[in-house]
Amino acid sequence: MAKYSRLVSTAIGTKVVLTVRKQERKKTQSYKNKVVQTCLLAGKILIENGSELNRVSDTIKRIAMNAGLDDLNAYVTITGLMISANDEAGAQIKEVEQRNFDLRRIAAVNKLSRRFAEHKLTIFQFYRLLLKVEHIGLYYPFWLLMVAAAVLSGAITVVFNNDLPDFFITSLVGMFGWLIFHELSLRVQASFISEFVSAMAIGAMAIYAVRLGLGQSTDNIIIGAVMPLVPGVPITNAVRDLISGNLISGPARGVEALICACALGFGVSLALIWLG
């Protein structure tokens, strides 16, 4: 009887140990999946808001290292990310559907990553905060963005062309051109259509402004008004990606910026051909 009791106790003890180990393994697997999801979300936010891919890869690796996953592998492009922690967890993919420029979100991700490295956040808190960062609204009011586009357009005309009389009309044309670009970007999914239409509208407004006596030089007005739409950041990121050795994403960003610049040029040219 005593021998039977010992066997029962041993069997129960073994079952308890196996259950605990199974729960620990399940917990570990859940933790690894959460780390991968956090890395995917952080990388997606960085790419969507104009970060160079070298920074994206470095941030993902630092998050994984601080989370205790030294075997995490990441493949990063401007259109998506693929990350795996190990063979058991498998690979997870996150698609990047849109790309914009918002340095606040990039700074927020970097700040949260540093807080996680200092053990001030758990991986679950980190993930929840990233979800909030992803939905940060406009930092500046919309009217201030329009004023900034107007001031930039007018300043370019004065600084580069020494055309002070056209400052006011260039500011107005640049402001309305940027407004058209912004509204079309929200409504039209096709890339480069917003640049083309807004550039054509800028050319038309510049031509009519000179004809009505509101401006003196069509060329100077167009040059200043188009400047807020020029893809300066994509070109810079393309060069930085190439220097960092990203031979796929670097040329891809460069081609994207080139097509954007061509769309601006074609829009202005079409307006000049039709109305000039």
C-alpha atoms as a PDB file:
ATOM      1  CA  MET A   1       0.000   0.000   0.000  1.00  0.00           C
ATOM      2  CA  ALA A   2       2.820   2.373   0.870  1.00  0.00           C
ATOM      3  CA  LYS A   3       4.584   1.498  -2.381  1.00  0.00           C
ATOM      4  CA  TYR A   4       1.388   2.220  -4.315  1.00  0.00           C
ATOM      5  CA  SER A   5       1.011   5.585  -2.549  1.00  0.00           C
ATOM      6  CA  ARG A   6       4.574   6.517  -3.453  1.00  0.00           C
ATOM      7  CA  LEU A   7       3.926   5.650  -7.097  1.00  0.00           C
ATOM      8  CA  VAL A   8       0.751   7.769  -7.110  1.00  0.00           C
ATOM      9  CA  SER A   9       2.594  10.676  -5.488  1.00  0.00           C
ATOM     10  CA  THR A  10       5.410  10.391  -8.005  1.00  0.00           C
ATOM     11  CA  ALA A  11       2.969  10.327 -10.910  1.00  0.00           C
ATOM     12  CA  ILE A  12       1.103  13.355  -9.578  1.00  0.00           C
ATOM     13  CA  GLY A  13       4.356  15.212  -8.983  1.00  0.00           C
ATOM     14  CA  THR A  14       5.567  14.437 -12.493  1.00  0.00           C
ATOM     15  CA  LYS A  15       2.262  15.628 -13.960  1.00  0.00           C
ATOM     16  CA  VAL A  16       2.473  18.876 -11.993  1.00  0.00           C
ATOM     17  CA  VAL A  17       6.039  19.490 -13.181  1.00  0.00           C
ATOM     18  CA  LEU A  18       5.080  18.822 -16.791  1.00  0.00           C
ATOM     19  CA  THR A  19       2.111  21.183 -16.476  1.00  0.00           C
ATOM     20  CA  VAL A  20       4.294  23.938 -15.019  1.00  0.00           C
ATOM     21  CA  ARG A  21       6.885  23.484 -17.747  1.00  0.00           C
ATOM     22  CA  LYS A  22       4.184  23.552 -20.387  1.00  0.00           C
ATOM     23  CA  GLN A  23       2.824  26.807 -18.948  1.00  0.00           C
ATOM     24  CA  GLU A  24       6.326  28.283 -18.810  1.00  0.00           C
ATOM     25  CA  ARG A  25       6.957  27.229 -22.391  1.00  0.00           C
ATOM     26  CA  LYS A  26       3.649  28.735 -23.435  1.00  0.00           C
ATOM     27  CA  LYS A  27       4.452  31.922 -21.544  1.00  0.00           C
ATOM     28  CA  THR A  28       7.898  32.108 -23.150  1.00  0.00           C
ATOM     29  CA  GLN A  29       6.388  31.591 -26.585  1.00  0.00           C
ATOM     30  CA  SER A  30       3.802  34.315 -25.933  1.00  0.00           C
ATOM     31  CA  TYR A  31       6.557  36.643 -24.778  1.00  0.00           C
ATOM     32  CA  LYS A  32       8.610  36.035 -27.918  1.00  0.00           C
ATOM     33  CA  ASN A  33       5.594  36.636 -30.117  1.00  0.00           C
ATOM     34  CA  LYS A  34       4.926  39.907 -28.301  1.00  0.00           C
ATOM     35  CA  VAL A  35       8.538  40.983 -28.821  1.00  0.00           C
ATOM     36  CA  VAL A  36       8.247  40.227 -32.538  1.00  0.00           C
ATOM     37  CA  GLN A  37       4.964  42.136 -32.747  1.00  0.00           C
ATOM     38  CA  THR A  38       6.532  45.093 -30.930  1.00  0.00           C
ATOM     39  CA  CYS A  39       9.504  45.127 -33.294  1.00  0.00           C
ATOM     40  CA  LEU A  40       7.176  44.953 -36.295  1.00  0.00           C
ATOM     41  CA  LEU A  41       5.032  47.829 -35.056  1.00  0.00           C
ATOM     42  CA  ALA A  42       8.041  49.982 -34.162  1.00  0.00           C
ATOM     43  CA  GLY A  43       9.624  49.356 -37.564  1.00  0.00           C
ATOM     44  CA  LYS A  44       6.358  50.071 -39.375  1.00  0.00           C
ATOM     45  CA  ILE A  45       5.939  53.418 -37.584  1.00  0.00           C
ATOM     46  CA  LEU A  46       9.521  54.422 -38.371  1.00  0.00           C
ATOM     47  CA  ILE A  47       9.267  53.550 -42.072  1.00  0.00           C
ATOM     48  CA  GLU A  48       5.863  55.182 -42.512  1.00  0.00           C
ATOM     49  CA  ASN A  49       7.141  58.450 -41.055  1.00  0.00           C
ATOM     50  CA  GLY A  50      10.311  58.912 -43.081  1.00  0.00           C
ATOM     51  CA  SER A  51      13.063  57.141 -41.141  1.00  0.00           C
ATOM     52  CA  GLU A  52      16.029  55.710 -43.001  1.00  0.00           C
ATOM     53  CA  LEU A  53      16.224  51.918 -42.974  1.00  0.00           C
ATOM     54  CA  ASN A  54      19.519  51.832 -41.094  1.00  0.00           C
ATOM     55  CA  ARG A  55      17.775  53.419 -38.102  1.00  0.00           C
ATOM     56  CA  VAL A  56      14.858  50.983 -38.448  1.00  0.00           C
ATOM     57  CA  SER A  57      17.120  47.928 -38.400  1.00  0.00           C
ATOM     58  CA  ASP A  58      19.142  49.273 -35.490  1.00  0.00           C
ATOM     59  CA  THR A  59      16.011  50.028 -33.438  1.00  0.00           C
ATOM     60  CA  ILE A  60      14.576  46.550 -34.047  1.00  0.00           C
ATOM     61  CA  LYS A  61      17.826  44.879 -33.042  1.00  0.00           C
ATOM     62  CA  ARG A  62      18.116  46.962 -29.873  1.00  0.00           C
ATOM     63  CA  ILE A  63      14.537  46.161 -28.840  1.00  0.00           C
ATOM     64  CA  ALA A  64      15.156  42.453 -29.366  1.00  0.00           C
ATOM     65  CA  MET A  65      18.472  42.538 -27.525  1.00  0.00           C
ATOM     66  CA  ASN A  66      16.980  44.379 -24.544  1.00  0.00           C
ATOM     67  CA  ALA A  67      14.101  41.876 -24.529  1.00  0.00           C
ATOM     68  CA  GLY A  68      16.554  38.980 -24.314  1.00  0.00           C
ATOM     69  CA  LEU A  69      16.095  37.684 -27.888  1.00  0.00           C
ATOM     70  CA  ASP A  70      19.563  37.508 -29.360  1.00  0.00           C
ATOM     71  CA  ASP A  71      18.467  35.226 -32.198  1.00  0.00           C
ATOM     72  CA  LEU A  72      15.955  37.621 -33.760  1.00  0.00           C
ATOM     73  CA  ASN A  73      16.326  38.141 -37.513  1.00  0.00           C
ATOM     74  CA  ALA A  74      14.778  41.019 -39.440  1.00  0.00           C
ATOM     75  CA  TYR A  75      14.436  41.790 -43.139  1.00  0.00           C
ATOM     76  CA  VAL A  76      13.452  45.423 -43.697  1.00  0.00           C
ATOM     77  CA  THR A  77      12.343  47.151 -46.901  1.00  0.00           C
ATOM     78  CA  ILE A  78      10.375  50.326 -47.571  1.00  0.00           C
ATOM     79  CA  THR A  79       7.256  48.285 -48.378  1.00  0.00           C
ATOM     80  CA  GLY A  80       7.293  45.789 -45.522  1.00  0.00           C
ATOM     81  CA  LEU A  81       9.095  43.996 -42.694  1.00  0.00           C
ATOM     82  CA  MET A  82       9.656  40.316 -41.967  1.00  0.00           C
ATOM     83  CA  ILE A  83      10.874  39.293 -38.498  1.00  0.00           C
ATOM     84  CA  SER A  84      11.408  35.933 -36.814  1.00  0.00           C
ATOM     85  CA  ALA A  85      12.618  35.161 -33.293  1.00  0.00           C
ATOM     86  CA  ASN A  86      13.457  31.501 -33.868  1.00  0.00           C
ATOM     87  CA  ASP A  87      12.190  28.441 -35.710  1.00  0.00           C
ATOM     88  CA  GLU A  88       9.432  27.836 -33.174  1.00  0.00           C
ATOM     89  CA  ALA A  89       7.916  31.300 -33.351  1.00  0.00           C
ATOM     90  CA  GLY A  90       8.030  31.458 -37.148  1.00  0.00           C
ATOM     91  CA  ALA A  91       8.225  34.603 -39.221  1.00  0.00           C
ATOM     92  CA  GLN A  92       5.756  37.468 -38.958  1.00  0.00           C
ATOM     93  CA  ILE A  93       5.217  40.065 -41.679  1.00  0.00           C
ATOM     94  CA  LYS A  94       3.989  43.654 -41.502  1.00  0.00           C
ATOM     95  CA  GLU A  95       3.092  45.552 -44.672  1.00  0.00           C
ATOM     96  CA  VAL A  96       3.901  49.260 -45.021  1.00  0.00           C
ATOM     97  CA  GLU A  97       1.026  50.748 -46.987  1.00  0.00           C
ATOM     98  CA  GLN A  98       1.825  54.463 -46.774  1.00  0.00           C
ATOM     99  CA  ARG A  99       4.889  56.626 -46.285  1.00  0.00           C
ATOM    100  CA  ASN A 100       4.811  60.125 -44.873  1.00  0.00           C
ATOM    101  CA  PHE A 101       7.095  62.361 -42.800  1.00  0.00           C
ATOM    102  CA  ASP A 102       6.511  62.920 -39.109  1.00  0.00           C
ATOM    103  CA  LEU A 103       9.627  63.282 -36.984  1.00  0.00           C
ATOM    104  CA  ARG A 104       7.523  63.366 -33.800  1.00  0.00           C
ATOM    105  CA  ARG A 105       6.559  59.728 -34.206  1.00  0.00           C
ATOM    106  CA  ILE A 106      10.148  58.730 -34.953  1.00  0.00           C
ATOM    107  CA  ALA A 107      11.315  60.561 -31.821  1.00  0.00           C
ATOM    108  CA  ALA A 108       8.521  58.933 -29.782  1.00  0.00           C
ATOM    109  CA  VAL A 109       9.552  55.431 -30.890  1.00  0.00           C
ATOM    110  CA  ASN A 110      13.189  56.144 -30.051  1.00  0.00           C
ATOM    111  CA  LYS A 111      12.215  57.508 -26.637  1.00  0.00           C
ATOM    112  CA  LEU A 112      10.112  54.437 -25.825  1.00  0.00           C
ATOM    113  CA  SER A 113      12.932  52.176 -27.005  1.00  0.00           C
ATOM    114  CA  ARG A 114      15.360  53.887 -24.626  1.00  0.00           C
ATOM    115  CA  ARG A 115      12.881  53.597 -21.737  1.00  0.00           C
ATOM    116  CA  PHE A 116      12.504  49.897 -22.493  1.00  0.00           C
ATOM    117  CA  ALA A 117      16.290  49.509 -22.521  1.00  0.00           C
ATOM    118  CA  GLU A 118      16.391  51.154 -19.075  1.00  0.00           C
ATOM    119  CA  HIS A 119      13.823  48.589 -17.832  1.00  0.00           C
ATOM    120  CA  LYS A 120      11.230  51.287 -17.165  1.00  0.00           C
ATOM    121  CA  LEU A 121       8.706  49.546 -19.429  1.00  0.00           C
ATOM    122  CA  THR A 122       7.639  45.954 -19.942  1.00  0.00           C
ATOM    123  CA  ILE A 123       7.297  44.611 -23.452  1.00  0.00           C
ATOM    124  CA  PHE A 124       3.504  44.673 -23.124  1.00  0.00           C
ATOM    125  CA  GLN A 125       3.495  48.309 -21.973  1.00  0.00           C
ATOM    126  CA  PHE A 126       5.886  49.127 -24.802  1.00  0.00           C
ATOM    127  CA  TYR A 127       3.515  47.612 -27.359  1.00  0.00           C
ATOM    128  CA  ARG A 128       0.461  49.439 -26.004  1.00  0.00           C
ATOM    129  CA  LEU A 129       2.300  52.774 -26.086  1.00  0.00           C
ATOM    130  CA  LEU A 130       3.392  52.142 -29.684  1.00  0.00           C
ATOM    131  CA  LEU A 131      -0.249  51.685 -30.644  1.00  0.00           C
ATOM    132  CA  LYS A 132      -0.910  55.172 -29.270  1.00  0.00           C
ATOM    133  CA  VAL A 133       2.097  56.617 -31.098  1.00  0.00           C
ATOM    134  CA  GLU A 134       0.775  55.197 -34.366  1.00  0.00           C
ATOM    135  CA  HIS A 135      -2.371  57.330 -34.040  1.00  0.00           C
ATOM    136  CA  ILE A 136      -0.812  60.634 -32.994  1.00  0.00           C
ATOM    137  CA  GLY A 137      -2.633  63.478 -34.719  1.00  0.00           C
ATOM    138  CA  LEU A 138      -1.257  66.678 -36.225  1.00  0.00           C
ATOM    139  CA  TYR A 139       1.170  68.436 -33.902  1.00  0.00           C
ATOM    140  CA  TYR A 140       0.515  71.816 -35.519  1.00  0.00           C
ATOM    141  CA  PRO A 141      -2.964  73.126 -36.417  1.00  0.00           C
ATOM    142  CA  PHE A 142      -3.908  72.874 -40.062  1.00  0.00           C
ATOM    143  CA  TRP A 143      -4.010  76.639 -40.576  1.00  0.00           C
ATOM    144  CA  LEU A 144      -0.433  76.921 -39.352  1.00  0.00           C
ATOM    145  CA  LEU A 145       0.702  74.315 -41.883  1.00  0.00           C
ATOM    146  CA  MET A 146      -0.905  76.375 -44.634  1.00  0.00           C
ATOM    147  CA  VAL A 147       0.824  79.531 -43.394  1.00  0.00           C
ATOM    148  CA  ALA A 148       4.161  77.669 -43.318  1.00  0.00           C
ATOM    149  CA  ALA A 149       3.694  76.545 -46.946  1.00  0.00           C
ATOM    150  CA  ALA A 150       2.861  80.135 -47.929  1.00  0.00           C
ATOM    151  CA  VAL A 151       5.877  81.652 -46.155  1.00  0.00           C
ATOM    152  CA  LEU A 152       8.215  79.029 -47.626  1.00  0.00           C
ATOM    153  CA  SER A 153       6.969  79.666 -51.155  1.00  0.00           C
ATOM    154  CA  GLY A 154       7.319  83.433 -50.875  1.00  0.00           C
ATOM    155  CA  ALA A 155      10.719  83.232 -49.194  1.00  0.00           C
ATOM    156  CA  ILE A 156      12.117  80.992 -51.950  1.00  0.00           C
ATOM    157  CA  THR A 157      11.111  83.534 -54.587  1.00  0.00           C
ATOM    158  CA  VAL A 158      12.791  86.375 -52.727  1.00  0.00           C
ATOM    159  CA  VAL A 159      15.958  84.529 -51.699  1.00  0.00           C
ATOM    160  CA  PHE A 160      16.768  82.711 -54.949  1.00  0.00           C
ATOM    161  CA  ASN A 161      15.252  85.051 -57.550  1.00  0.00           C
ATOM    162  CA  ASN A 162      15.413  88.408 -55.729  1.00  0.00           C
ATOM    163  CA  ASP A 163      11.780  88.939 -56.712  1.00  0.00           C
ATOM    164  CA  LEU A 164      10.252  90.892 -53.824  1.00  0.00           C
ATOM    165  CA  PRO A 165       7.158  92.160 -55.741  1.00  0.00           C
ATOM    166  CA  ASP A 166       5.983  88.561 -56.312  1.00  0.00           C
ATOM    167  CA  PHE A 167       6.325  87.536 -52.661  1.00  0.00           C
ATOM    168  CA  PHE A 168       2.643  87.918 -51.765  1.00  0.00           C
ATOM    169  CA  ILE A 169       1.166  86.227 -54.853  1.00  0.00           C
ATOM    170  CA  THR A 170       3.730  83.407 -54.680  1.00  0.00           C
ATOM    171  CA  SER A 171       2.768  82.823 -51.062  1.00  0.00           C
ATOM    172  CA  LEU A 172      -0.911  82.549 -52.007  1.00  0.00           C
ATOM    173  CA  VAL A 173      -0.260  80.233 -54.949  1.00  0.00           C
ATOM    174  CA  GLY A 174       2.040  78.042 -52.859  1.00  0.00           C
ATOM    175  CA  MET A 175      -0.511  77.851 -50.041  1.00  0.00           C
ATOM    176  CA  PHE A 176      -3.374  76.815 -52.334  1.00  0.00           C
ATOM    177  CA  GLY A 177      -1.102  74.402 -54.207  1.00  0.00           C
ATOM    178  CA  TRP A 178      -0.139  72.707 -50.962  1.00  0.00           C
ATOM    179  CA  LEU A 179      -3.804  72.615 -49.909  1.00  0.00           C
ATOM    180  CA  ILE A 180      -4.743  70.832 -53.149  1.00  0.00           C
ATOM    181  CA  PHE A 181      -1.877  68.384 -52.655  1.00  0.00           C
ATOM    182  CA  HIS A 182      -2.913  67.648 -49.061  1.00  0.00           C
ATOM    183  CA  GLU A 183      -6.581  67.082 -49.880  1.00  0.00           C
ATOM    184  CA  LEU A 184      -5.812  64.853 -52.862  1.00  0.00           C
ATOM    185  CA  SER A 185      -3.338  62.813 -50.821  1.00  0.00           C
ATOM    186  CA  LEU A 186      -6.119  61.997 -48.364  1.00  0.00           C
ATOM    187  CA  ARG A 187      -8.624  60.994 -51.042  1.00  0.00           C
ATOM    188  CA  VAL A 188      -6.610  59.489 -53.915  1.00  0.00           C
ATOM    189  CA  GLN A 189      -4.821  56.194 -53.327  1.00  0.00           C
ATOM    190  CA  ALA A 190      -2.769  56.261 -56.537  1.00  0.00           C
ATOM    191  CA  SER A 191       0.730  57.572 -55.972  1.00  0.00           C
ATOM    192  CA  PHE A 192       2.002  60.751 -57.647  1.00  0.00           C
ATOM    193  CA  ILE A 193      -1.465  61.848 -58.821  1.00  0.00           C
ATOM    194  CA  SER A 194      -1.637  64.459 -56.072  1.00  0.00           C
ATOM    195  CA  GLU A 195       1.765  65.887 -57.074  1.00  0.00           C
ATOM    196  CA  PHE A 196       0.784  66.042 -60.740  1.00  0.00           C
ATOM    197  CA  VAL A 197      -2.589  67.725 -60.179  1.00  0.00           C
ATOM    198  CA  SER A 198      -1.284  70.209 -57.602  1.00  0.00           C
ATOM    199  CA  ALA A 199       1.653  71.169 -59.857  1.00  0.00           C
ATOM    200  CA  MET A 200      -0.733  71.700 -62.774  1.00  0.00           C
ATOM    201  CA  ALA A 201      -2.943  73.875 -60.550  1.00  0.00           C
ATOM    202  CA  ILE A 202       0.099  75.896 -59.425  1.00  0.00           C
ATOM    203  CA  GLY A 203       1.114  76.492 -63.034  1.00  0.00           C
ATOM    204  CA  ALA A 204      -2.399  77.588 -63.965  1.00  0.00           C
ATOM    205  CA  MET A 205      -2.713  79.940 -60.992  1.00  0.00           C
ATOM    206  CA  ALA A 206       0.702  81.483 -61.718  1.00  0.00           C
ATOM    207  CA  ILE A 207      -0.212  82.124 -65.371  1.00  0.00           C
ATOM    208  CA  TYR A 208      -3.535  83.721 -64.531  1.00  0.00           C
ATOM    209  CA  ALA A 209      -1.968  85.778 -61.727  1.00  0.00           C
ATOM    210  CA  VAL A 210       0.456  87.368 -64.195  1.00  0.00           C
ATOM    211  CA  ARG A 211      -2.279  87.922 -66.770  1.00  0.00           C
ATOM    212  CA  LEU A 212      -4.435  89.671 -64.190  1.00  0.00           C
ATOM    213  CA  GLY A 213      -1.551  91.898 -63.132  1.00  0.00           C
ATOM    214  CA  LEU A 214      -1.146  90.326 -59.696  1.00  0.00           C
ATOM    215  CA  GLY A 215       2.404  89.123 -60.425  1.00  0.00           C
ATOM    216  CA  GLN A 216       5.343  89.929 -62.670  1.00  0.00           C
ATOM    217  CA  SER A 217       7.134  86.644 -63.407  1.00  0.00           C
ATOM    218  CA  THR A 218       5.331  83.368 -64.048  1.00  0.00           C
ATOM    219  CA  ASP A 219       8.540  81.377 -63.720  1.00  0.00           C
ATOM    220  CA  ASN A 220       9.461  82.844 -60.339  1.00  0.00           C
ATOM    221  CA  ILE A 221       5.972  82.271 -58.966  1.00  0.00           C
ATOM    222  CA  ILE A 222       5.971  78.630 -60.112  1.00  0.00           C
ATOM    223  CA  ILE A 223       9.462  77.965 -58.731  1.00  0.00           C
ATOM    224  CA  GLY A 224       8.551  79.300 -55.314  1.00  0.00           C
ATOM    225  CA  ALA A 225       5.086  77.733 -55.129  1.00  0.00           C
ATOM    226  CA  VAL A 226       6.275  74.248 -56.116  1.00  0.00           C
ATOM    227  CA  MET A 227       9.046  74.178 -53.518  1.00  0.00           C
ATOM    228  CA  PRO A 228       6.869  72.847 -50.597  1.00  0.00           C
ATOM    229  CA  LEU A 229       6.092  69.793 -52.762  1.00  0.00           C
ATOM    230  CA  VAL A 230       9.671  68.946 -53.757  1.00  0.00           C
ATOM    231  CA  PRO A 231      10.672  65.492 -52.370  1.00  0.00           C
ATOM    232  CA  GLY A 232      13.781  66.576 -50.487  1.00  0.00           C
ATOM    233  CA  VAL A 233      13.496  64.089 -47.604  1.00  0.00           C
ATOM    234  CA  PRO A 234      13.036  60.997 -49.853  1.00  0.00           C
ATOM    235  CA  ILE A 235      16.123  61.945 -51.839  1.00  0.00           C
ATOM    236  CA  THR A 236      18.150  62.392 -48.628  1.00  0.00           C
ATOM    237  CA  ASN A 237      16.945  59.048 -47.250  1.00  0.00           C
ATOM    238  CA  ALA A 238      17.742  57.340 -50.547  1.00  0.00           C
ATOM    239  CA  VAL A 239      21.346  58.567 -50.384  1.00  0.00           C
ATOM    240  CA  ARG A 240      21.676  57.549 -46.717  1.00  0.00           C
ATOM    241  CA  ASP A 241      20.298  54.076 -47.450  1.00  0.00           C
ATOM    242  CA  LEU A 242      22.770  53.636 -50.300  1.00  0.00           C
ATOM    243  CA  ILE A 243      25.658  54.736 -48.100  1.00  0.00           C
ATOM    244  CA  SER A 244      24.504  52.285 -45.407  1.00  0.00           C
ATOM    245  CA  GLY A 245      24.572  49.420 -47.920  1.00  0.00           C
ATOM    246  CA  ASN A 246      20.810  49.028 -48.476  1.00  0.00           C
ATOM    247  CA  LEU A 247      21.118  48.376 -52.202  1.00  0.00           C
ATOM    248  CA  ILE A 248      17.419  47.534 -52.575  1.00  0.00           C
ATOM    249  CA  SER A 249      15.666  50.210 -50.544  1.00  0.00           C
ATOM    250  CA  GLY A 250      18.099  52.989 -51.505  1.00  0.00           C
ATOM    251  CA  PRO A 251      17.408  52.831 -55.267  1.00  0.00           C
ATOM    252  CA  ALA A 252      13.702  52.218 -54.551  1.00  0.00           C
ATOM    253  CA  ARG A 253      13.478  55.440 -52.537  1.00  0.00           C
ATOM    254  CA  GLY A 254      15.460  57.242 -55.231  1.00  0.00           C
ATOM    255  CA  VAL A 255      13.110  56.071 -57.993  1.00  0.00           C
ATOM    256  CA  GLU A 256      10.109  57.078 -55.879  1.00  0.00           C
ATOM    257  CA  ALA A 257      11.540  60.572 -55.378  1.00  0.00           C
ATOM    258  CA  LEU A 258      12.434  60.823 -59.071  1.00  0.00           C
ATOM    259  CA  ILE A 259       8.909  59.903 -60.159  1.00  0.00           C
ATOM    260  CA  CYS A 260       7.513  62.449 -57.703  1.00  0.00           C
ATOM    261  CA  ALA A 261       9.778  65.160 -59.154  1.00  0.00           C
ATOM    262  CA  CYS A 262       8.789  64.159 -62.684  1.00  0.00           C
ATOM    263  CA  ALA A 263       5.111  64.378 -61.751  1.00  0.00           C
ATOM    264  CA  LEU A 264       5.682  67.944 -60.552  1.00  0.00           C
ATOM    265  CA  GLY A 265       7.521  68.810 -63.744  1.00  0.00           C
ATOM    266  CA  PHE A 266       4.898  67.233 -66.003  1.00  0.00           C
ATOM    267  CA  GLY A 267       2.095  69.042 -64.189  1.00  0.00           C
ATOM    268  CA  VAL A 268       3.736  72.442 -64.556  1.00  0.00           C
ATOM    269  CA  SER A 269       4.656  71.738 -68.185  1.00  0.00           C
ATOM    270  CA  LEU A 270       1.106  70.727 -69.041  1.00  0.00           C
ATOM    271  CA  ALA A 271      -0.255  73.938 -67.520  1.00  0.00           C
ATOM    272  CA  LEU A 272       2.272  76.009 -69.495  1.00  0.00           C
ATOM    273  CA  ILE A 273       1.442  74.199 -72.750  1.00  0.00           C
ATOM    274  CA  TRP A 274      -2.301  74.571 -72.334  1.00  0.00           C
ATOM    275  CA  LEU A 275      -2.431  78.091 -70.949  1.00  0.00           C
ATOM    276  CA  GLY A 276       0.935  79.621 -71.739  1.00  0.00           C
END
